[in-house]
């Protein structure tokens, strides 16, 4: 899944698919915030 790949690459989480749903959602929100602020060099599709 693309979201897991982004999480693994940018947040250095080796196996994001093994996170609980709650933790995965929090990490996904963190990625969204980082992308929104321009820290990742990628753009959010909205």
PDB file of N, CA and C in Angstrom:
ATOM      1  N   UNK A   1       0.850  -1.177   0.000  1.00  0.00           N
ATOM      2  CA  UNK A   1       0.000   0.000   0.000  1.00  0.00           C
ATOM      3  C   UNK A   1       0.897   1.242   0.000  1.00  0.00           C
ATOM      4  N   UNK A   2       0.517   2.222  -0.781  1.00  0.00           N
ATOM      5  CA  UNK A   2       1.309   3.445  -0.906  1.00  0.00           C
ATOM      6  C   UNK A   2       1.453   4.163   0.439  1.00  0.00           C
ATOM      7  N   UNK A   3       0.391   4.183   1.230  1.00  0.00           N
ATOM      8  CA  UNK A   3       0.447   4.860   2.527  1.00  0.00           C
ATOM      9  C   UNK A   3       1.489   4.210   3.433  1.00  0.00           C
ATOM     10  N   UNK A   4       1.548   2.886   3.429  1.00  0.00           N
ATOM     11  CA  UNK A   4       2.545   2.190   4.245  1.00  0.00           C
ATOM     12  C   UNK A   4       3.959   2.507   3.771  1.00  0.00           C
ATOM     13  N   UNK A   5       4.142   2.596   2.460  1.00  0.00           N
ATOM     14  CA  UNK A   5       5.465   2.924   1.918  1.00  0.00           C
ATOM     15  C   UNK A   5       5.890   4.329   2.335  1.00  0.00           C
ATOM     16  N   UNK A   6       4.970   5.280   2.271  1.00  0.00           N
ATOM     17  CA  UNK A   6       5.282   6.647   2.700  1.00  0.00           C
ATOM     18  C   UNK A   6       5.647   6.679   4.177  1.00  0.00           C
ATOM     19  N   UNK A   7       4.875   5.959   4.980  1.00  0.00           N
ATOM     20  CA  UNK A   7       5.115   5.917   6.416  1.00  0.00           C
ATOM     21  C   UNK A   7       6.479   5.295   6.711  1.00  0.00           C
ATOM     22  N   UNK A   8       6.789   4.231   6.023  1.00  0.00           N
ATOM     23  CA  UNK A   8       8.060   3.550   6.223  1.00  0.00           C
ATOM     24  C   UNK A   8       9.227   4.458   5.839  1.00  0.00           C
ATOM     25  N   UNK A   9       9.117   5.121   4.699  1.00  0.00           N
ATOM     26  CA  UNK A   9      10.202   5.964   4.198  1.00  0.00           C
ATOM     27  C   UNK A   9      10.397   7.225   5.033  1.00  0.00           C
ATOM     28  N   UNK A  10       9.336   7.984   5.246  1.00  0.00           N
ATOM     29  CA  UNK A  10       9.467   9.287   5.899  1.00  0.00           C
ATOM     30  C   UNK A  10       9.524   9.215   7.420  1.00  0.00           C
ATOM     31  N   UNK A  11       8.845   8.242   8.028  1.00  0.00           N
ATOM     32  CA  UNK A  11       8.824   8.151   9.487  1.00  0.00           C
ATOM     33  C   UNK A  11       9.724   7.038  10.016  1.00  0.00           C
ATOM     34  N   UNK A  12      10.392   6.323   9.103  1.00  0.00           N
ATOM     35  CA  UNK A  12      11.328   5.257   9.483  1.00  0.00           C
ATOM     36  C   UNK A  12      10.660   4.180  10.338  1.00  0.00           C
ATOM     37  N   UNK A  13       9.455   3.798   9.942  1.00  0.00           N
ATOM     38  CA  UNK A  13       8.731   2.714  10.605  1.00  0.00           C
ATOM     39  C   UNK A  13       8.886   1.489   9.699  1.00  0.00           C
ATOM     40  N   UNK A  14       9.621   0.453  10.136  1.00  0.00           N
ATOM     41  CA  UNK A  14       9.937  -0.650   9.241  1.00  0.00           C
ATOM     42  C   UNK A  14       8.723  -1.424   8.710  1.00  0.00           C
ATOM     43  N   UNK A  15       7.740  -1.674   9.527  1.00  0.00           N
ATOM     44  CA  UNK A  15       6.573  -2.452   9.107  1.00  0.00           C
ATOM     45  C   UNK A  15       5.291  -1.761   9.573  1.00  0.00           C
ATOM     46  N   UNK A  16       4.901  -0.669   8.930  1.00  0.00           N
ATOM     47  CA  UNK A  16       3.727   0.085   9.383  1.00  0.00           C
ATOM     48  C   UNK A  16       2.436  -0.723   9.339  1.00  0.00           C
ATOM     49  N   UNK A  17       2.386  -1.754   8.501  1.00  0.00           N
ATOM     50  CA  UNK A  17       1.181  -2.578   8.439  1.00  0.00           C
ATOM     51  C   UNK A  17       0.971  -3.369   9.729  1.00  0.00           C
ATOM     52  N   UNK A  18       1.993  -3.456  10.575  1.00  0.00           N
ATOM     53  CA  UNK A  18       1.874  -4.168  11.842  1.00  0.00           C
ATOM     54  C   UNK A  18       1.408  -3.264  12.984  1.00  0.00           C
ATOM     55  N   UNK A  19       1.272  -1.971  12.740  1.00  0.00           N
ATOM     56  CA  UNK A  19       0.785  -1.053  13.768  1.00  0.00           C
ATOM     57  C   UNK A  19      -0.697  -1.301  14.027  1.00  0.00           C
ATOM     58  N   UNK A  20      -1.129  -0.977  15.238  1.00  0.00           N
ATOM     59  CA  UNK A  20      -2.566  -1.048  15.513  1.00  0.00           C
ATOM     60  C   UNK A  20      -3.266   0.004  14.652  1.00  0.00           C
ATOM     61  N   UNK A  21      -4.547  -0.167  14.435  1.00  0.00           N
ATOM     62  CA  UNK A  21      -5.296   0.787  13.610  1.00  0.00           C
ATOM     63  C   UNK A  21      -5.213   2.200  14.178  1.00  0.00           C
ATOM     64  N   UNK A  22      -5.269   2.306  15.501  1.00  0.00           N
ATOM     65  CA  UNK A  22      -5.224   3.619  16.150  1.00  0.00           C
ATOM     66  C   UNK A  22      -3.872   4.299  15.925  1.00  0.00           C
ATOM     67  N   UNK A  23      -2.796   3.570  16.130  1.00  0.00           N
ATOM     68  CA  UNK A  23      -1.455   4.134  15.950  1.00  0.00           C
ATOM     69  C   UNK A  23      -1.216   4.453  14.475  1.00  0.00           C
ATOM     70  N   UNK A  24      -1.659   3.553  13.575  1.00  0.00           N
ATOM     71  CA  UNK A  24      -1.498   3.781  12.140  1.00  0.00           C
ATOM     72  C   UNK A  24      -2.191   5.081  11.736  1.00  0.00           C
ATOM     73  N   UNK A  25      -3.402   5.303  12.237  1.00  0.00           N
ATOM     74  CA  UNK A  25      -4.149   6.523  11.909  1.00  0.00           C
ATOM     75  C   UNK A  25      -3.426   7.765  12.431  1.00  0.00           C
ATOM     76  N   UNK A  26      -2.843   7.675  13.616  1.00  0.00           N
ATOM     77  CA  UNK A  26      -2.095   8.817  14.157  1.00  0.00           C
ATOM     78  C   UNK A  26      -0.864   9.112  13.299  1.00  0.00           C
ATOM     79  N   UNK A  27      -0.159   8.077  12.876  1.00  0.00           N
ATOM     80  CA  UNK A  27       1.022   8.271  12.033  1.00  0.00           C
ATOM     81  C   UNK A  27       0.632   8.822  10.666  1.00  0.00           C
ATOM     82  N   UNK A  28      -0.505   8.381  10.123  1.00  0.00           N
ATOM     83  CA  UNK A  28      -0.987   8.896   8.839  1.00  0.00           C
ATOM     84  C   UNK A  28      -1.317  10.382   8.968  1.00  0.00           C
ATOM     85  N   UNK A  29      -1.918  10.763  10.092  1.00  0.00           N
ATOM     86  CA  UNK A  29      -2.227  12.175  10.335  1.00  0.00           C
ATOM     87  C   UNK A  29      -0.934  12.991  10.444  1.00  0.00           C
ATOM     88  N   UNK A  30       0.078  12.426  11.072  1.00  0.00           N
ATOM     89  CA  UNK A  30       1.368  13.115  11.166  1.00  0.00           C
ATOM     90  C   UNK A  30       1.963  13.333   9.780  1.00  0.00           C
ATOM     91  N   UNK A  31       1.894  12.316   8.932  1.00  0.00           N
ATOM     92  CA  UNK A  31       2.387  12.473   7.560  1.00  0.00           C
ATOM     93  C   UNK A  31       1.625  13.563   6.824  1.00  0.00           C
ATOM     94  N   UNK A  32       0.320  13.607   7.006  1.00  0.00           N
ATOM     95  CA  UNK A  32      -0.494  14.642   6.372  1.00  0.00           C
ATOM     96  C   UNK A  32      -0.074  16.029   6.817  1.00  0.00           C
ATOM     97  N   UNK A  33       0.168  16.189   8.099  1.00  0.00           N
ATOM     98  CA  UNK A  33       0.586  17.485   8.636  1.00  0.00           C
ATOM     99  C   UNK A  33       1.961  17.869   8.081  1.00  0.00           C
ATOM    100  N   UNK A  34       2.890  16.914   8.081  1.00  0.00           N
ATOM    101  CA  UNK A  34       4.228  17.193   7.552  1.00  0.00           C
ATOM    102  C   UNK A  34       4.176  17.583   6.076  1.00  0.00           C
ATOM    103  N   UNK A  35       3.345  16.896   5.303  1.00  0.00           N
ATOM    104  CA  UNK A  35       3.203  17.220   3.880  1.00  0.00           C
ATOM    105  C   UNK A  35       2.576  18.597   3.704  1.00  0.00           C
ATOM    106  N   UNK A  36       1.568  18.890   4.506  1.00  0.00           N
ATOM    107  CA  UNK A  36       0.878  20.187   4.432  1.00  0.00           C
ATOM    108  C   UNK A  36       1.831  21.341   4.722  1.00  0.00           C
ATOM    109  N   UNK A  37       2.741  21.131   5.671  1.00  0.00           N
ATOM    110  CA  UNK A  37       3.692  22.175   6.055  1.00  0.00           C
ATOM    111  C   UNK A  37       4.903  22.236   5.127  1.00  0.00           C
ATOM    112  N   UNK A  38       5.009  21.291   4.194  1.00  0.00           N
ATOM    113  CA  UNK A  38       6.095  21.311   3.227  1.00  0.00           C
ATOM    114  C   UNK A  38       7.372  20.627   3.671  1.00  0.00           C
ATOM    115  N   UNK A  39       7.324  19.889   4.760  1.00  0.00           N
ATOM    116  CA  UNK A  39       8.526  19.235   5.265  1.00  0.00           C
ATOM    117  C   UNK A  39       8.936  18.006   4.460  1.00  0.00           C
ATOM    118  N   UNK A  40       8.016  17.422   3.709  1.00  0.00           N
ATOM    119  CA  UNK A  40       8.313  16.178   3.002  1.00  0.00           C
ATOM    120  C   UNK A  40       8.683  16.388   1.543  1.00  0.00           C
ATOM    121  N   UNK A  41       8.424  17.548   1.018  1.00  0.00           N
ATOM    122  CA  UNK A  41       8.697  17.793  -0.388  1.00  0.00           C
ATOM    123  C   UNK A  41       7.691  17.137  -1.312  1.00  0.00           C
ATOM    124  N   UNK A  42       6.549  16.736  -0.759  1.00  0.00           N
ATOM    125  CA  UNK A  42       5.459  16.180  -1.568  1.00  0.00           C
ATOM    126  C   UNK A  42       4.203  16.978  -1.268  1.00  0.00           C
ATOM    127  N   UNK A  43       3.238  16.903  -2.158  1.00  0.00           N
ATOM    128  CA  UNK A  43       2.000  17.657  -1.969  1.00  0.00           C
ATOM    129  C   UNK A  43       0.859  16.722  -1.627  1.00  0.00           C
ATOM    130  N   UNK A  44      -0.029  17.215  -0.785  1.00  0.00           N
ATOM    131  CA  UNK A  44      -1.254  16.499  -0.423  1.00  0.00           C
ATOM    132  C   UNK A  44      -2.280  16.673  -1.526  1.00  0.00           C
ATOM    133  N   UNK A  45      -2.922  15.617  -1.934  1.00  0.00           N
ATOM    134  CA  UNK A  45      -4.046  15.738  -2.872  1.00  0.00           C
ATOM    135  C   UNK A  45      -5.292  16.016  -2.055  1.00  0.00           C
ATOM    136  N   UNK A  46      -5.903  17.139  -2.305  1.00  0.00           N
ATOM    137  CA  UNK A  46      -7.128  17.482  -1.565  1.00  0.00           C
ATOM    138  C   UNK A  46      -8.193  17.917  -2.508  1.00  0.00           C
TER     139      UNK A  46
END
